[in-house]
Structures are given as structure tokens and as C-alpha cells.
Amino acid sequence: MQANILVVEDNPDNSKLVTWILEDEGYKVTCAPTAEEGLAALERCDFDIVLMDISLPGMDGKEATRQIRQNPKWQALPVIALTAHAIKGEHEAIMASGVTDLITKPLDEEQLLNCLAELLAQ
């Protein structure tokens, strides 16, 4: 099964890096540069996992995740937060928004792929 992953990331370099990593592993990747576009993509297509940047223009990743969790059809959808904000209080606030897991930037490719494999195996 080829997993379909939505990457919500406003930084084009980060978006390209994640896309390369995922496509090299055979994942199908769709990118959205804003939370609003990410939510719209979820309405149009079924995804197996969402990789959600937390610092986004407009609506941030925490609010987008809260909106995802409010929709019954997405409540079980794994959402992995990607953030450079690793300070303790922020980590707790991100987790409280409803994300499934959190990975800090700069991305560790092995950590990301292991996390995806674990979530997809459930």
C-alpha cells in the first residue's frame, strides 16, 4: 500500500526536503503552504498522515490540528507536528492541540521515517 501524506509547510526548502525523503521511500506526497490550504486539501482527498508545521502564516499548525480533530472523519487521522520550537512549554501546548506526535527541526530523516512506519502499521 502506498501511503498518501499531506505536508503542510510554508518554507519551500523544508517542503522540498520532506518531499524528497518521503518520495524516496515510495510515499505519495501532497504539499500545502498554509494551514488553510492544508484543510482544503483534506476536504478534497483522503490522506493517511498529515505532517503539520507549527509556525505557519495566518492560522498556525496548532489551530489547524484543533480544527482537524473537530471533524469526526479526521479524529483518528495521525497528525505529526514538525517544529523548531522545542522549548518545554511549547512542546506541551503543541501536544495539547491534538497532534499524534512531534518531531523537531532540523528533521532527522530516520526518526521521521520510523515514526511514519509505526503510525502506518497501526
C-alpha atoms as a PDB file:
ATOM      1  CA  MET A   1       0.000   0.000   0.000  1.00  0.00           C
ATOM      2  CA  GLN A   2       1.327   3.424  -0.953  1.00  0.00           C
ATOM      3  CA  ALA A   3       0.571   5.848   1.862  1.00  0.00           C
ATOM      4  CA  ASN A   4      -0.743   9.283   0.924  1.00  0.00           C
ATOM      5  CA  ILE A   5       0.839  12.022   3.050  1.00  0.00           C
ATOM      6  CA  LEU A   6      -0.159  15.668   3.335  1.00  0.00           C
ATOM      7  CA  VAL A   7       2.729  18.013   4.175  1.00  0.00           C
ATOM      8  CA  VAL A   8       1.627  21.419   5.483  1.00  0.00           C
ATOM      9  CA  GLU A   9       4.785  23.535   5.375  1.00  0.00           C
ATOM     10  CA  ASP A  10       5.284  27.184   4.376  1.00  0.00           C
ATOM     11  CA  ASN A  11       9.062  27.030   3.875  1.00  0.00           C
ATOM     12  CA  PRO A  12       9.732  25.839   0.295  1.00  0.00           C
ATOM     13  CA  ASP A  13      13.141  24.370   1.209  1.00  0.00           C
ATOM     14  CA  ASN A  14      11.687  22.350   4.096  1.00  0.00           C
ATOM     15  CA  SER A  15       8.792  21.257   1.897  1.00  0.00           C
ATOM     16  CA  LYS A  16      11.196  20.040  -0.811  1.00  0.00           C
ATOM     17  CA  LEU A  17      13.359  18.206   1.708  1.00  0.00           C
ATOM     18  CA  VAL A  18      10.401  16.361   3.258  1.00  0.00           C
ATOM     19  CA  THR A  19       9.011  15.573  -0.190  1.00  0.00           C
ATOM     20  CA  TRP A  20      12.332  14.091  -1.344  1.00  0.00           C
ATOM     21  CA  ILE A  21      12.656  11.976   1.808  1.00  0.00           C
ATOM     22  CA  LEU A  22       9.095  10.664   1.530  1.00  0.00           C
ATOM     23  CA  GLU A  23       9.052  10.085  -2.224  1.00  0.00           C
ATOM     24  CA  ASP A  24      12.353   8.181  -1.969  1.00  0.00           C
ATOM     25  CA  GLU A  25      10.512   5.798   0.371  1.00  0.00           C
ATOM     26  CA  GLY A  26       7.602   5.408  -2.054  1.00  0.00           C
ATOM     27  CA  TYR A  27       5.099   7.660  -0.316  1.00  0.00           C
ATOM     28  CA  LYS A  28       2.697   9.833  -2.304  1.00  0.00           C
ATOM     29  CA  VAL A  29       3.121  13.443  -1.168  1.00  0.00           C
ATOM     30  CA  THR A  30       0.859  16.483  -1.433  1.00  0.00           C
ATOM     31  CA  CYS A  31       2.161  19.830  -0.150  1.00  0.00           C
ATOM     32  CA  ALA A  32       0.183  22.780   1.137  1.00  0.00           C
ATOM     33  CA  PRO A  33       1.937  26.064   2.054  1.00  0.00           C
ATOM     34  CA  THR A  34      -0.689  27.217   4.581  1.00  0.00           C
ATOM     35  CA  ALA A  35      -2.958  25.638   7.186  1.00  0.00           C
ATOM     36  CA  GLU A  36      -5.984  26.857   5.263  1.00  0.00           C
ATOM     37  CA  GLU A  37      -4.793  25.132   2.073  1.00  0.00           C
ATOM     38  CA  GLY A  38      -3.989  22.017   4.084  1.00  0.00           C
ATOM     39  CA  LEU A  39      -7.526  21.875   5.469  1.00  0.00           C
ATOM     40  CA  ALA A  40      -8.909  22.367   1.957  1.00  0.00           C
ATOM     41  CA  ALA A  41      -6.715  19.506   0.684  1.00  0.00           C
ATOM     42  CA  LEU A  42      -8.116  17.249   3.425  1.00  0.00           C
ATOM     43  CA  GLU A  43     -11.618  18.010   2.136  1.00  0.00           C
ATOM     44  CA  ARG A  44     -10.645  17.011  -1.418  1.00  0.00           C
ATOM     45  CA  CYS A  45      -8.564  13.905  -0.801  1.00  0.00           C
ATOM     46  CA  ASP A  46      -8.052  11.082   1.687  1.00  0.00           C
ATOM     47  CA  PHE A  47      -4.691  11.139   3.438  1.00  0.00           C
ATOM     48  CA  ASP A  48      -3.098   8.539   5.681  1.00  0.00           C
ATOM     49  CA  ILE A  49      -0.979  11.009   7.682  1.00  0.00           C
ATOM     50  CA  VAL A  50      -0.533  14.781   7.973  1.00  0.00           C
ATOM     51  CA  LEU A  51       2.849  16.379   8.635  1.00  0.00           C
ATOM     52  CA  MET A  52       1.969  19.764  10.135  1.00  0.00           C
ATOM     53  CA  ASP A  53       4.405  22.652  10.516  1.00  0.00           C
ATOM     54  CA  ILE A  54       3.501  24.599  13.627  1.00  0.00           C
ATOM     55  CA  SER A  55       4.725  28.072  12.593  1.00  0.00           C
ATOM     56  CA  LEU A  56       2.598  28.921   9.581  1.00  0.00           C
ATOM     57  CA  PRO A  57       1.411  32.267   8.185  1.00  0.00           C
ATOM     58  CA  GLY A  58      -2.190  33.003   9.135  1.00  0.00           C
ATOM     59  CA  MET A  59      -3.612  30.039  11.012  1.00  0.00           C
ATOM     60  CA  ASP A  60      -0.878  28.170  12.866  1.00  0.00           C
ATOM     61  CA  GLY A  61      -0.441  24.409  12.953  1.00  0.00           C
ATOM     62  CA  LYS A  62      -1.915  24.067  16.446  1.00  0.00           C
ATOM     63  CA  GLU A  63      -5.190  25.703  15.387  1.00  0.00           C
ATOM     64  CA  ALA A  64      -5.272  23.672  12.168  1.00  0.00           C
ATOM     65  CA  THR A  65      -4.829  20.485  14.193  1.00  0.00           C
ATOM     66  CA  ARG A  66      -7.647  21.509  16.553  1.00  0.00           C
ATOM     67  CA  GLN A  67      -9.890  22.013  13.502  1.00  0.00           C
ATOM     68  CA  ILE A  68      -8.889  18.611  12.125  1.00  0.00           C
ATOM     69  CA  ARG A  69      -9.800  16.986  15.446  1.00  0.00           C
ATOM     70  CA  GLN A  70     -13.231  18.674  15.456  1.00  0.00           C
ATOM     71  CA  ASN A  71     -14.193  16.837  12.254  1.00  0.00           C
ATOM     72  CA  PRO A  72     -15.398  13.309  13.091  1.00  0.00           C
ATOM     73  CA  LYS A  73     -13.936  11.810   9.907  1.00  0.00           C
ATOM     74  CA  TRP A  74     -10.446  13.064  10.800  1.00  0.00           C
ATOM     75  CA  GLN A  75     -10.369  12.380  14.548  1.00  0.00           C
ATOM     76  CA  ALA A  76      -8.202   9.264  14.108  1.00  0.00           C
ATOM     77  CA  LEU A  77      -6.032  10.758  11.346  1.00  0.00           C
ATOM     78  CA  PRO A  78      -2.401  10.824  12.533  1.00  0.00           C
ATOM     79  CA  VAL A  79      -1.017  14.370  12.628  1.00  0.00           C
ATOM     80  CA  ILE A  80       2.718  14.736  13.212  1.00  0.00           C
ATOM     81  CA  ALA A  81       3.817  18.208  14.273  1.00  0.00           C
ATOM     82  CA  LEU A  82       7.045  19.489  12.744  1.00  0.00           C
ATOM     83  CA  THR A  83       8.561  22.347  14.684  1.00  0.00           C
ATOM     84  CA  ALA A  84      11.752  24.144  15.548  1.00  0.00           C
ATOM     85  CA  HIS A  85      10.059  25.247  18.813  1.00  0.00           C
ATOM     86  CA  ALA A  86      11.351  22.585  21.182  1.00  0.00           C
ATOM     87  CA  ILE A  87      11.072  24.517  24.437  1.00  0.00           C
ATOM     88  CA  LYS A  88       9.221  22.628  27.153  1.00  0.00           C
ATOM     89  CA  GLY A  89       6.107  24.784  27.479  1.00  0.00           C
ATOM     90  CA  GLU A  90       5.638  24.978  23.715  1.00  0.00           C
ATOM     91  CA  HIS A  91       6.023  21.196  23.368  1.00  0.00           C
ATOM     92  CA  GLU A  92       3.150  20.690  25.814  1.00  0.00           C
ATOM     93  CA  ALA A  93       0.963  23.275  24.041  1.00  0.00           C
ATOM     94  CA  ILE A  94       1.591  21.592  20.687  1.00  0.00           C
ATOM     95  CA  MET A  95       0.730  18.148  22.069  1.00  0.00           C
ATOM     96  CA  ALA A  96      -2.418  19.595  23.688  1.00  0.00           C
ATOM     97  CA  SER A  97      -3.631  20.777  20.260  1.00  0.00           C
ATOM     98  CA  GLY A  98      -4.294  17.139  19.354  1.00  0.00           C
ATOM     99  CA  VAL A  99      -1.220  16.083  17.403  1.00  0.00           C
ATOM    100  CA  THR A 100      -0.301  12.408  17.434  1.00  0.00           C
ATOM    101  CA  ASP A 101       3.436  13.004  17.697  1.00  0.00           C
ATOM    102  CA  LEU A 102       6.005  15.796  17.463  1.00  0.00           C
ATOM    103  CA  ILE A 103       9.296  15.877  15.567  1.00  0.00           C
ATOM    104  CA  THR A 104      11.694  18.785  15.960  1.00  0.00           C
ATOM    105  CA  LYS A 105      13.557  20.520  13.157  1.00  0.00           C
ATOM    106  CA  PRO A 106      16.061  20.170  11.722  1.00  0.00           C
ATOM    107  CA  LEU A 107      14.483  16.910  10.689  1.00  0.00           C
ATOM    108  CA  ASP A 108      16.156  13.620  11.463  1.00  0.00           C
ATOM    109  CA  GLU A 109      15.295  11.507   8.407  1.00  0.00           C
ATOM    110  CA  GLU A 110      15.481   8.216  10.294  1.00  0.00           C
ATOM    111  CA  GLN A 111      13.260   9.494  13.110  1.00  0.00           C
ATOM    112  CA  LEU A 112      10.679  10.759  10.617  1.00  0.00           C
ATOM    113  CA  LEU A 113      10.594   7.504   8.641  1.00  0.00           C
ATOM    114  CA  ASN A 114      10.410   5.374  11.791  1.00  0.00           C
ATOM    115  CA  CYS A 115       7.538   7.478  13.108  1.00  0.00           C
ATOM    116  CA  LEU A 116       5.644   7.154   9.818  1.00  0.00           C
ATOM    117  CA  ALA A 117       6.216   3.397   9.631  1.00  0.00           C
ATOM    118  CA  GLU A 118       4.978   2.959  13.200  1.00  0.00           C
ATOM    119  CA  LEU A 119       1.818   5.010  12.639  1.00  0.00           C
ATOM    120  CA  LEU A 120       1.033   3.332   9.317  1.00  0.00           C
ATOM    121  CA  ALA A 121       1.384  -0.109  10.889  1.00  0.00           C
ATOM    122  CA  GLN A 122      -1.424   0.622  13.390  1.00  0.00           C
END
